[in-house]
């Protein structure tokens, strides 16, 4: 849908593009928007920060939504935090 700007489910052509998906977060007793990160890095002592983010494309007719991740340069394989890089490239074992 991102390239064609046509919904693959209903062929709708009115598409909402949200550049940075956000969610409300409680901060000091009031709500403020917070970017949805692909993963979180940090610790209880150093604080946490979002890594990467999402943009969405949503069909105005049927609501079908595609999510795309961006800003993944700082993302690291971290199995203890549930972040896994699955490298399925044919030459992955040769590096």
PDB file of N, CA and C in Angstrom:
ATOM      1  N   UNK A   1       0.830  -1.184   0.000  1.00  0.00           N
ATOM      2  CA  UNK A   1       0.000   0.000   0.000  1.00  0.00           C
ATOM      3  C   UNK A   1       0.879   1.254   0.000  1.00  0.00           C
ATOM      4  N   UNK A   2       2.050   1.170   0.629  1.00  0.00           N
ATOM      5  CA  UNK A   2       2.939   2.337   0.692  1.00  0.00           C
ATOM      6  C   UNK A   2       3.359   2.789  -0.698  1.00  0.00           C
ATOM      7  N   UNK A   3       3.645   1.869  -1.592  1.00  0.00           N
ATOM      8  CA  UNK A   3       4.080   2.241  -2.943  1.00  0.00           C
ATOM      9  C   UNK A   3       2.913   2.496  -3.880  1.00  0.00           C
ATOM     10  N   UNK A   4       1.904   1.655  -3.818  1.00  0.00           N
ATOM     11  CA  UNK A   4       0.799   1.750  -4.784  1.00  0.00           C
ATOM     12  C   UNK A   4      -0.254   2.773  -4.373  1.00  0.00           C
ATOM     13  N   UNK A   5      -0.348   3.077  -3.074  1.00  0.00           N
ATOM     14  CA  UNK A   5      -1.401   3.946  -2.524  1.00  0.00           C
ATOM     15  C   UNK A   5      -2.791   3.418  -2.857  1.00  0.00           C
ATOM     16  N   UNK A   6      -2.875   2.072  -2.941  1.00  0.00           N
ATOM     17  CA  UNK A   6      -4.149   1.374  -3.157  1.00  0.00           C
ATOM     18  C   UNK A   6      -4.241   0.277  -2.108  1.00  0.00           C
ATOM     19  N   UNK A   7      -5.382   0.192  -1.429  1.00  0.00           N
ATOM     20  CA  UNK A   7      -5.567  -0.825  -0.396  1.00  0.00           C
ATOM     21  C   UNK A   7      -5.588  -2.221  -1.026  1.00  0.00           C
ATOM     22  N   UNK A   8      -4.766  -3.163  -0.540  1.00  0.00           N
ATOM     23  CA  UNK A   8      -4.762  -4.511  -1.089  1.00  0.00           C
ATOM     24  C   UNK A   8      -5.994  -5.324  -0.693  1.00  0.00           C
ATOM     25  N   UNK A   9      -6.769  -4.863   0.271  1.00  0.00           N
ATOM     26  CA  UNK A   9      -7.958  -5.595   0.723  1.00  0.00           C
ATOM     27  C   UNK A   9      -9.218  -5.178  -0.013  1.00  0.00           C
ATOM     28  N   UNK A  10      -9.457  -3.845  -0.131  1.00  0.00           N
ATOM     29  CA  UNK A  10     -10.719  -3.387  -0.731  1.00  0.00           C
ATOM     30  C   UNK A  10     -10.524  -2.499  -1.955  1.00  0.00           C
ATOM     31  N   UNK A  11      -9.264  -2.269  -2.335  1.00  0.00           N
ATOM     32  CA  UNK A  11      -8.893  -1.413  -3.464  1.00  0.00           C
ATOM     33  C   UNK A  11      -9.267   0.057  -3.253  1.00  0.00           C
ATOM     34  N   UNK A  12      -9.465   0.435  -1.982  1.00  0.00           N
ATOM     35  CA  UNK A  12      -9.713   1.840  -1.666  1.00  0.00           C
ATOM     36  C   UNK A  12      -8.512   2.689  -2.037  1.00  0.00           C
ATOM     37  N   UNK A  13      -8.761   3.935  -2.385  1.00  0.00           N
ATOM     38  CA  UNK A  13      -7.691   4.826  -2.830  1.00  0.00           C
ATOM     39  C   UNK A  13      -7.537   6.060  -1.965  1.00  0.00           C
ATOM     40  N   UNK A  14      -8.236   6.099  -0.830  1.00  0.00           N
ATOM     41  CA  UNK A  14      -8.027   7.153   0.154  1.00  0.00           C
ATOM     42  C   UNK A  14      -7.255   6.524   1.304  1.00  0.00           C
ATOM     43  N   UNK A  15      -6.006   6.946   1.448  1.00  0.00           N
ATOM     44  CA  UNK A  15      -5.080   6.313   2.381  1.00  0.00           C
ATOM     45  C   UNK A  15      -4.592   7.345   3.387  1.00  0.00           C
ATOM     46  N   UNK A  16      -4.707   7.020   4.671  1.00  0.00           N
ATOM     47  CA  UNK A  16      -4.124   7.844   5.719  1.00  0.00           C
ATOM     48  C   UNK A  16      -2.671   7.430   5.913  1.00  0.00           C
ATOM     49  N   UNK A  17      -1.757   8.410   5.924  1.00  0.00           N
ATOM     50  CA  UNK A  17      -0.351   8.142   6.214  1.00  0.00           C
ATOM     51  C   UNK A  17      -0.006   8.853   7.513  1.00  0.00           C
ATOM     52  N   UNK A  18       0.376   8.082   8.530  1.00  0.00           N
ATOM     53  CA  UNK A  18       0.799   8.651   9.811  1.00  0.00           C
ATOM     54  C   UNK A  18       2.302   8.425   9.905  1.00  0.00           C
ATOM     55  N   UNK A  19       3.075   9.494   9.871  1.00  0.00           N
ATOM     56  CA  UNK A  19       4.532   9.396   9.794  1.00  0.00           C
ATOM     57  C   UNK A  19       5.179   8.835  11.050  1.00  0.00           C
ATOM     58  N   UNK A  20       4.608   9.108  12.222  1.00  0.00           N
ATOM     59  CA  UNK A  20       5.178   8.608  13.483  1.00  0.00           C
ATOM     60  C   UNK A  20       4.039   8.113  14.361  1.00  0.00           C
ATOM     61  N   UNK A  21       3.916   6.800  14.474  1.00  0.00           N
ATOM     62  CA  UNK A  21       2.867   6.224  15.316  1.00  0.00           C
ATOM     63  C   UNK A  21       3.169   6.561  16.771  1.00  0.00           C
ATOM     64  N   UNK A  22       2.156   7.067  17.471  1.00  0.00           N
ATOM     65  CA  UNK A  22       2.337   7.478  18.863  1.00  0.00           C
ATOM     66  C   UNK A  22       1.211   6.919  19.720  1.00  0.00           C
ATOM     67  N   UNK A  23       1.482   6.848  21.006  1.00  0.00           N
ATOM     68  CA  UNK A  23       0.484   6.422  21.976  1.00  0.00           C
ATOM     69  C   UNK A  23       0.514   7.385  23.154  1.00  0.00           C
ATOM     70  N   UNK A  24      -0.614   7.629  23.789  1.00  0.00           N
ATOM     71  CA  UNK A  24      -0.575   8.474  24.983  1.00  0.00           C
ATOM     72  C   UNK A  24       0.211   7.789  26.092  1.00  0.00           C
ATOM     73  N   UNK A  25       0.917   8.568  26.878  1.00  0.00           N
ATOM     74  CA  UNK A  25       1.677   8.025  28.011  1.00  0.00           C
ATOM     75  C   UNK A  25       1.430   8.916  29.221  1.00  0.00           C
ATOM     76  N   UNK A  26       1.374   8.309  30.380  1.00  0.00           N
ATOM     77  CA  UNK A  26       1.201   9.094  31.602  1.00  0.00           C
ATOM     78  C   UNK A  26       2.564   9.590  32.059  1.00  0.00           C
ATOM     79  N   UNK A  27       2.714  10.904  32.156  1.00  0.00           N
ATOM     80  CA  UNK A  27       3.954  11.509  32.607  1.00  0.00           C
ATOM     81  C   UNK A  27       3.610  12.608  33.604  1.00  0.00           C
ATOM     82  N   UNK A  28       4.069  12.500  34.797  1.00  0.00           N
ATOM     83  CA  UNK A  28       3.840  13.505  35.843  1.00  0.00           C
ATOM     84  C   UNK A  28       2.368  13.875  35.969  1.00  0.00           C
ATOM     85  N   UNK A  29       1.484  12.879  35.833  1.00  0.00           N
ATOM     86  CA  UNK A  29       0.072  13.115  36.061  1.00  0.00           C
ATOM     87  C   UNK A  29      -0.710  13.633  34.876  1.00  0.00           C
ATOM     88  N   UNK A  30      -0.085  13.860  33.741  1.00  0.00           N
ATOM     89  CA  UNK A  30      -0.826  14.294  32.563  1.00  0.00           C
ATOM     90  C   UNK A  30      -0.414  13.452  31.364  1.00  0.00           C
ATOM     91  N   UNK A  31      -1.266  13.441  30.369  1.00  0.00           N
ATOM     92  CA  UNK A  31      -0.984  12.627  29.187  1.00  0.00           C
ATOM     93  C   UNK A  31      -0.163  13.418  28.182  1.00  0.00           C
ATOM     94  N   UNK A  32       0.842  12.786  27.645  1.00  0.00           N
ATOM     95  CA  UNK A  32       1.613  13.363  26.556  1.00  0.00           C
ATOM     96  C   UNK A  32       1.890  12.257  25.551  1.00  0.00           C
ATOM     97  N   UNK A  33       1.949  12.585  24.260  1.00  0.00           N
ATOM     98  CA  UNK A  33       2.185  11.531  23.277  1.00  0.00           C
ATOM     99  C   UNK A  33       3.591  10.959  23.395  1.00  0.00           C
ATOM    100  N   UNK A  34       3.714   9.698  23.083  1.00  0.00           N
ATOM    101  CA  UNK A  34       4.995   9.009  23.127  1.00  0.00           C
ATOM    102  C   UNK A  34       5.125   8.179  21.862  1.00  0.00           C
ATOM    103  N   UNK A  35       6.264   8.308  21.155  1.00  0.00           N
ATOM    104  CA  UNK A  35       6.487   7.504  19.962  1.00  0.00           C
ATOM    105  C   UNK A  35       6.513   6.030  20.330  1.00  0.00           C
ATOM    106  N   UNK A  36       5.960   5.215  19.470  1.00  0.00           N
ATOM    107  CA  UNK A  36       6.029   3.762  19.644  1.00  0.00           C
ATOM    108  C   UNK A  36       7.351   3.305  19.062  1.00  0.00           C
ATOM    109  N   UNK A  37       8.225   2.753  19.885  1.00  0.00           N
ATOM    110  CA  UNK A  37       9.525   2.282  19.425  1.00  0.00           C
ATOM    111  C   UNK A  37       9.459   0.843  18.966  1.00  0.00           C
ATOM    112  N   UNK A  38      10.366   0.494  18.070  1.00  0.00           N
ATOM    113  CA  UNK A  38      10.472  -0.883  17.614  1.00  0.00           C
ATOM    114  C   UNK A  38      10.966  -1.755  18.763  1.00  0.00           C
ATOM    115  N   UNK A  39      11.887  -1.228  19.552  1.00  0.00           N
ATOM    116  CA  UNK A  39      12.418  -1.925  20.719  1.00  0.00           C
ATOM    117  C   UNK A  39      12.803  -0.873  21.749  1.00  0.00           C
ATOM    118  N   UNK A  40      13.102  -1.324  22.941  1.00  0.00           N
ATOM    119  CA  UNK A  40      13.502  -0.431  24.016  1.00  0.00           C
ATOM    120  C   UNK A  40      14.893  -0.830  24.472  1.00  0.00           C
ATOM    121  N   UNK A  41      15.770   0.163  24.653  1.00  0.00           N
ATOM    122  CA  UNK A  41      17.117  -0.096  25.156  1.00  0.00           C
ATOM    123  C   UNK A  41      17.308   0.657  26.447  1.00  0.00           C
ATOM    124  N   UNK A  42      18.125   0.124  27.321  1.00  0.00           N
ATOM    125  CA  UNK A  42      18.431   0.784  28.578  1.00  0.00           C
ATOM    126  C   UNK A  42      18.190  -0.125  29.755  1.00  0.00           C
ATOM    127  N   UNK A  43      18.107   0.479  30.931  1.00  0.00           N
ATOM    128  CA  UNK A  43      17.900  -0.283  32.155  1.00  0.00           C
ATOM    129  C   UNK A  43      17.100   0.567  33.134  1.00  0.00           C
ATOM    130  N   UNK A  44      16.688  -0.045  34.210  1.00  0.00           N
ATOM    131  CA  UNK A  44      15.945   0.671  35.244  1.00  0.00           C
ATOM    132  C   UNK A  44      16.766   1.835  35.780  1.00  0.00           C
ATOM    133  N   UNK A  45      18.068   1.651  35.885  1.00  0.00           N
ATOM    134  CA  UNK A  45      18.923   2.694  36.478  1.00  0.00           C
ATOM    135  C   UNK A  45      19.254   3.783  35.481  1.00  0.00           C
ATOM    136  N   UNK A  46      19.495   3.446  34.240  1.00  0.00           N
ATOM    137  CA  UNK A  46      19.875   4.449  33.242  1.00  0.00           C
ATOM    138  C   UNK A  46      18.679   5.011  32.497  1.00  0.00           C
ATOM    139  N   UNK A  47      17.538   4.417  32.670  1.00  0.00           N
ATOM    140  CA  UNK A  47      16.362   4.852  31.931  1.00  0.00           C
ATOM    141  C   UNK A  47      16.230   4.096  30.619  1.00  0.00           C
ATOM    142  N   UNK A  48      15.086   4.166  30.045  1.00  0.00           N
ATOM    143  CA  UNK A  48      14.804   3.454  28.803  1.00  0.00           C
ATOM    144  C   UNK A  48      14.580   4.456  27.684  1.00  0.00           C
ATOM    145  N   UNK A  49      14.891   4.037  26.469  1.00  0.00           N
ATOM    146  CA  UNK A  49      14.594   4.871  25.312  1.00  0.00           C
ATOM    147  C   UNK A  49      14.147   3.986  24.163  1.00  0.00           C
ATOM    148  N   UNK A  50      13.263   4.533  23.363  1.00  0.00           N
ATOM    149  CA  UNK A  50      12.773   3.797  22.201  1.00  0.00           C
ATOM    150  C   UNK A  50      13.852   3.775  21.126  1.00  0.00           C
ATOM    151  N   UNK A  51      13.946   2.670  20.422  1.00  0.00           N
ATOM    152  CA  UNK A  51      14.835   2.544  19.279  1.00  0.00           C
ATOM    153  C   UNK A  51      13.959   2.364  18.054  1.00  0.00           C
ATOM    154  N   UNK A  52      14.172   3.190  17.068  1.00  0.00           N
ATOM    155  CA  UNK A  52      13.369   3.117  15.855  1.00  0.00           C
ATOM    156  C   UNK A  52      11.955   3.611  16.101  1.00  0.00           C
ATOM    157  N   UNK A  53      11.136   3.453  15.106  1.00  0.00           N
ATOM    158  CA  UNK A  53       9.746   3.868  15.208  1.00  0.00           C
ATOM    159  C   UNK A  53       8.942   3.255  14.085  1.00  0.00           C
ATOM    160  N   UNK A  54       7.677   3.607  14.034  1.00  0.00           N
ATOM    161  CA  UNK A  54       6.784   3.062  13.021  1.00  0.00           C
ATOM    162  C   UNK A  54       6.038   4.174  12.300  1.00  0.00           C
ATOM    163  N   UNK A  55       5.768   3.943  11.049  1.00  0.00           N
ATOM    164  CA  UNK A  55       4.821   4.756  10.303  1.00  0.00           C
ATOM    165  C   UNK A  55       3.721   3.816   9.824  1.00  0.00           C
ATOM    166  N   UNK A  56       2.535   4.365   9.624  1.00  0.00           N
ATOM    167  CA  UNK A  56       1.425   3.525   9.198  1.00  0.00           C
ATOM    168  C   UNK A  56       0.758   4.094   7.954  1.00  0.00           C
ATOM    169  N   UNK A  57       0.176   3.195   7.182  1.00  0.00           N
ATOM    170  CA  UNK A  57      -0.668   3.526   6.040  1.00  0.00           C
ATOM    171  C   UNK A  57      -1.992   2.795   6.278  1.00  0.00           C
ATOM    172  N   UNK A  58      -3.082   3.549   6.360  1.00  0.00           N
ATOM    173  CA  UNK A  58      -4.379   2.988   6.700  1.00  0.00           C
ATOM    174  C   UNK A  58      -5.412   3.364   5.655  1.00  0.00           C
ATOM    175  N   UNK A  59      -6.164   2.370   5.186  1.00  0.00           N
ATOM    176  CA  UNK A  59      -7.227   2.603   4.217  1.00  0.00           C
ATOM    177  C   UNK A  59      -8.383   3.322   4.912  1.00  0.00           C
ATOM    178  N   UNK A  60      -8.811   4.447   4.352  1.00  0.00           N
ATOM    179  CA  UNK A  60      -9.921   5.212   4.937  1.00  0.00           C
ATOM    180  C   UNK A  60     -11.248   4.472   4.785  1.00  0.00           C
ATOM    181  N   UNK A  61     -11.335   3.544   3.824  1.00  0.00           N
ATOM    182  CA  UNK A  61     -12.593   2.823   3.590  1.00  0.00           C
ATOM    183  C   UNK A  61     -12.757   1.638   4.537  1.00  0.00           C
ATOM    184  N   UNK A  62     -11.768   0.747   4.580  1.00  0.00           N
ATOM    185  CA  UNK A  62     -11.949  -0.497   5.348  1.00  0.00           C
ATOM    186  C   UNK A  62     -11.108  -0.562   6.618  1.00  0.00           C
ATOM    187  N   UNK A  63     -10.140   0.335   6.775  1.00  0.00           N
ATOM    188  CA  UNK A  63      -9.324   0.348   7.976  1.00  0.00           C
ATOM    189  C   UNK A  63      -8.099  -0.543   7.943  1.00  0.00           C
ATOM    190  N   UNK A  64      -7.904  -1.272   6.851  1.00  0.00           N
ATOM    191  CA  UNK A  64      -6.708  -2.115   6.762  1.00  0.00           C
ATOM    192  C   UNK A  64      -5.472  -1.236   6.944  1.00  0.00           C
ATOM    193  N   UNK A  65      -4.521  -1.716   7.765  1.00  0.00           N
ATOM    194  CA  UNK A  65      -3.345  -0.914   8.094  1.00  0.00           C
ATOM    195  C   UNK A  65      -2.069  -1.699   7.869  1.00  0.00           C
ATOM    196  N   UNK A  66      -1.080  -1.039   7.260  1.00  0.00           N
ATOM    197  CA  UNK A  66       0.264  -1.594   7.122  1.00  0.00           C
ATOM    198  C   UNK A  66       1.194  -0.763   7.998  1.00  0.00           C
ATOM    199  N   UNK A  67       2.046  -1.446   8.758  1.00  0.00           N
ATOM    200  CA  UNK A  67       3.034  -0.799   9.619  1.00  0.00           C
ATOM    201  C   UNK A  67       4.415  -0.996   9.008  1.00  0.00           C
ATOM    202  N   UNK A  68       5.223   0.059   9.006  1.00  0.00           N
ATOM    203  CA  UNK A  68       6.596  -0.023   8.511  1.00  0.00           C
ATOM    204  C   UNK A  68       7.529   0.539   9.567  1.00  0.00           C
ATOM    205  N   UNK A  69       8.588  -0.195   9.868  1.00  0.00           N
ATOM    206  CA  UNK A  69       9.580   0.251  10.846  1.00  0.00           C
ATOM    207  C   UNK A  69      10.613   1.136  10.157  1.00  0.00           C
ATOM    208  N   UNK A  70      11.149   2.100  10.910  1.00  0.00           N
ATOM    209  CA  UNK A  70      12.216   2.954  10.400  1.00  0.00           C
ATOM    210  C   UNK A  70      13.158   3.293  11.553  1.00  0.00           C
ATOM    211  N   UNK A  71      14.322   3.839  11.233  1.00  0.00           N
ATOM    212  CA  UNK A  71      15.286   4.218  12.259  1.00  0.00           C
ATOM    213  C   UNK A  71      15.878   3.037  12.995  1.00  0.00           C
ATOM    214  N   UNK A  72      16.223   1.988  12.263  1.00  0.00           N
ATOM    215  CA  UNK A  72      16.703   0.756  12.899  1.00  0.00           C
ATOM    216  C   UNK A  72      18.221   0.700  13.065  1.00  0.00           C
ATOM    217  N   UNK A  73      18.917   1.789  12.760  1.00  0.00           N
ATOM    218  CA  UNK A  73      20.382   1.799  12.839  1.00  0.00           C
ATOM    219  C   UNK A  73      20.928   1.482  14.220  1.00  0.00           C
ATOM    220  N   UNK A  74      20.213   1.870  15.284  1.00  0.00           N
ATOM    221  CA  UNK A  74      20.674   1.620  16.654  1.00  0.00           C
ATOM    222  C   UNK A  74      20.140   0.318  17.247  1.00  0.00           C
ATOM    223  N   UNK A  75      19.331  -0.400  16.479  1.00  0.00           N
ATOM    224  CA  UNK A  75      18.771  -1.656  16.987  1.00  0.00           C
ATOM    225  C   UNK A  75      19.869  -2.711  17.065  1.00  0.00           C
ATOM    226  N   UNK A  76      19.938  -3.411  18.181  1.00  0.00           N
ATOM    227  CA  UNK A  76      20.960  -4.441  18.402  1.00  0.00           C
ATOM    228  C   UNK A  76      20.298  -5.737  18.840  1.00  0.00           C
ATOM    229  N   UNK A  77      20.913  -6.845  18.449  1.00  0.00           N
ATOM    230  CA  UNK A  77      20.462  -8.162  18.887  1.00  0.00           C
ATOM    231  C   UNK A  77      20.615  -8.220  20.410  1.00  0.00           C
ATOM    232  N   UNK A  78      19.530  -8.464  21.124  1.00  0.00           N
ATOM    233  CA  UNK A  78      19.557  -8.479  22.585  1.00  0.00           C
ATOM    234  C   UNK A  78      18.559  -9.516  23.089  1.00  0.00           C
ATOM    235  N   UNK A  79      18.920 -10.812  23.028  1.00  0.00           N
ATOM    236  CA  UNK A  79      18.007 -11.883  23.415  1.00  0.00           C
ATOM    237  C   UNK A  79      17.440 -11.742  24.826  1.00  0.00           C
ATOM    238  N   UNK A  80      18.211 -11.181  25.772  1.00  0.00           N
ATOM    239  CA  UNK A  80      17.703 -11.008  27.135  1.00  0.00           C
ATOM    240  C   UNK A  80      16.509 -10.060  27.176  1.00  0.00           C
ATOM    241  N   UNK A  81      16.445  -9.128  26.226  1.00  0.00           N
ATOM    242  CA  UNK A  81      15.326  -8.189  26.156  1.00  0.00           C
ATOM    243  C   UNK A  81      14.275  -8.628  25.124  1.00  0.00           C
ATOM    244  N   UNK A  82      14.467  -9.819  24.546  1.00  0.00           N
ATOM    245  CA  UNK A  82      13.506 -10.336  23.580  1.00  0.00           C
ATOM    246  C   UNK A  82      13.671  -9.780  22.181  1.00  0.00           C
ATOM    247  N   UNK A  83      14.860  -9.245  21.864  1.00  0.00           N
ATOM    248  CA  UNK A  83      15.140  -8.693  20.532  1.00  0.00           C
ATOM    249  C   UNK A  83      16.109  -9.641  19.846  1.00  0.00           C
ATOM    250  N   UNK A  84      15.673 -10.226  18.734  1.00  0.00           N
ATOM    251  CA  UNK A  84      16.475 -11.233  18.038  1.00  0.00           C
ATOM    252  C   UNK A  84      16.631 -10.848  16.566  1.00  0.00           C
ATOM    253  N   UNK A  85      17.855 -10.901  16.062  1.00  0.00           N
ATOM    254  CA  UNK A  85      18.091 -10.736  14.633  1.00  0.00           C
ATOM    255  C   UNK A  85      18.159 -12.132  14.033  1.00  0.00           C
ATOM    256  N   UNK A  86      17.259 -12.425  13.126  1.00  0.00           N
ATOM    257  CA  UNK A  86      17.263 -13.706  12.424  1.00  0.00           C
ATOM    258  C   UNK A  86      17.852 -13.433  11.054  1.00  0.00           C
ATOM    259  N   UNK A  87      19.073 -13.886  10.846  1.00  0.00           N
ATOM    260  CA  UNK A  87      19.776 -13.650   9.583  1.00  0.00           C
ATOM    261  C   UNK A  87      19.613 -14.876   8.713  1.00  0.00           C
ATOM    262  N   UNK A  88      18.719 -14.798   7.754  1.00  0.00           N
ATOM    263  CA  UNK A  88      18.409 -15.910   6.872  1.00  0.00           C
ATOM    264  C   UNK A  88      18.989 -15.715   5.479  1.00  0.00           C
ATOM    265  N   UNK A  89      19.976 -14.827   5.367  1.00  0.00           N
ATOM    266  CA  UNK A  89      20.637 -14.608   4.087  1.00  0.00           C
ATOM    267  C   UNK A  89      21.414 -15.879   3.706  1.00  0.00           C
ATOM    268  N   UNK A  90      21.454 -16.234   2.416  1.00  0.00           N
ATOM    269  CA  UNK A  90      22.143 -17.463   2.001  1.00  0.00           C
ATOM    270  C   UNK A  90      23.591 -17.533   2.422  1.00  0.00           C
ATOM    271  N   UNK A  91      24.293 -16.376   2.495  1.00  0.00           N
ATOM    272  CA  UNK A  91      25.705 -16.393   2.835  1.00  0.00           C
ATOM    273  C   UNK A  91      25.955 -15.998   4.287  1.00  0.00           C
ATOM    274  N   UNK A  92      24.947 -16.080   5.153  1.00  0.00           N
ATOM    275  CA  UNK A  92      25.091 -15.631   6.547  1.00  0.00           C
ATOM    276  C   UNK A  92      26.196 -16.365   7.289  1.00  0.00           C
ATOM    277  N   UNK A  93      26.404 -17.629   7.003  1.00  0.00           N
ATOM    278  CA  UNK A  93      27.434 -18.396   7.701  1.00  0.00           C
ATOM    279  C   UNK A  93      28.838 -18.083   7.213  1.00  0.00           C
ATOM    280  N   UNK A  94      28.979 -17.373   6.110  1.00  0.00           N
ATOM    281  CA  UNK A  94      30.294 -17.096   5.532  1.00  0.00           C
ATOM    282  C   UNK A  94      30.889 -15.790   6.022  1.00  0.00           C
ATOM    283  N   UNK A  95      30.180 -15.018   6.830  1.00  0.00           N
ATOM    284  CA  UNK A  95      30.690 -13.712   7.269  1.00  0.00           C
ATOM    285  C   UNK A  95      31.579 -13.837   8.467  1.00  0.00           C
TER     286      UNK A  95
END
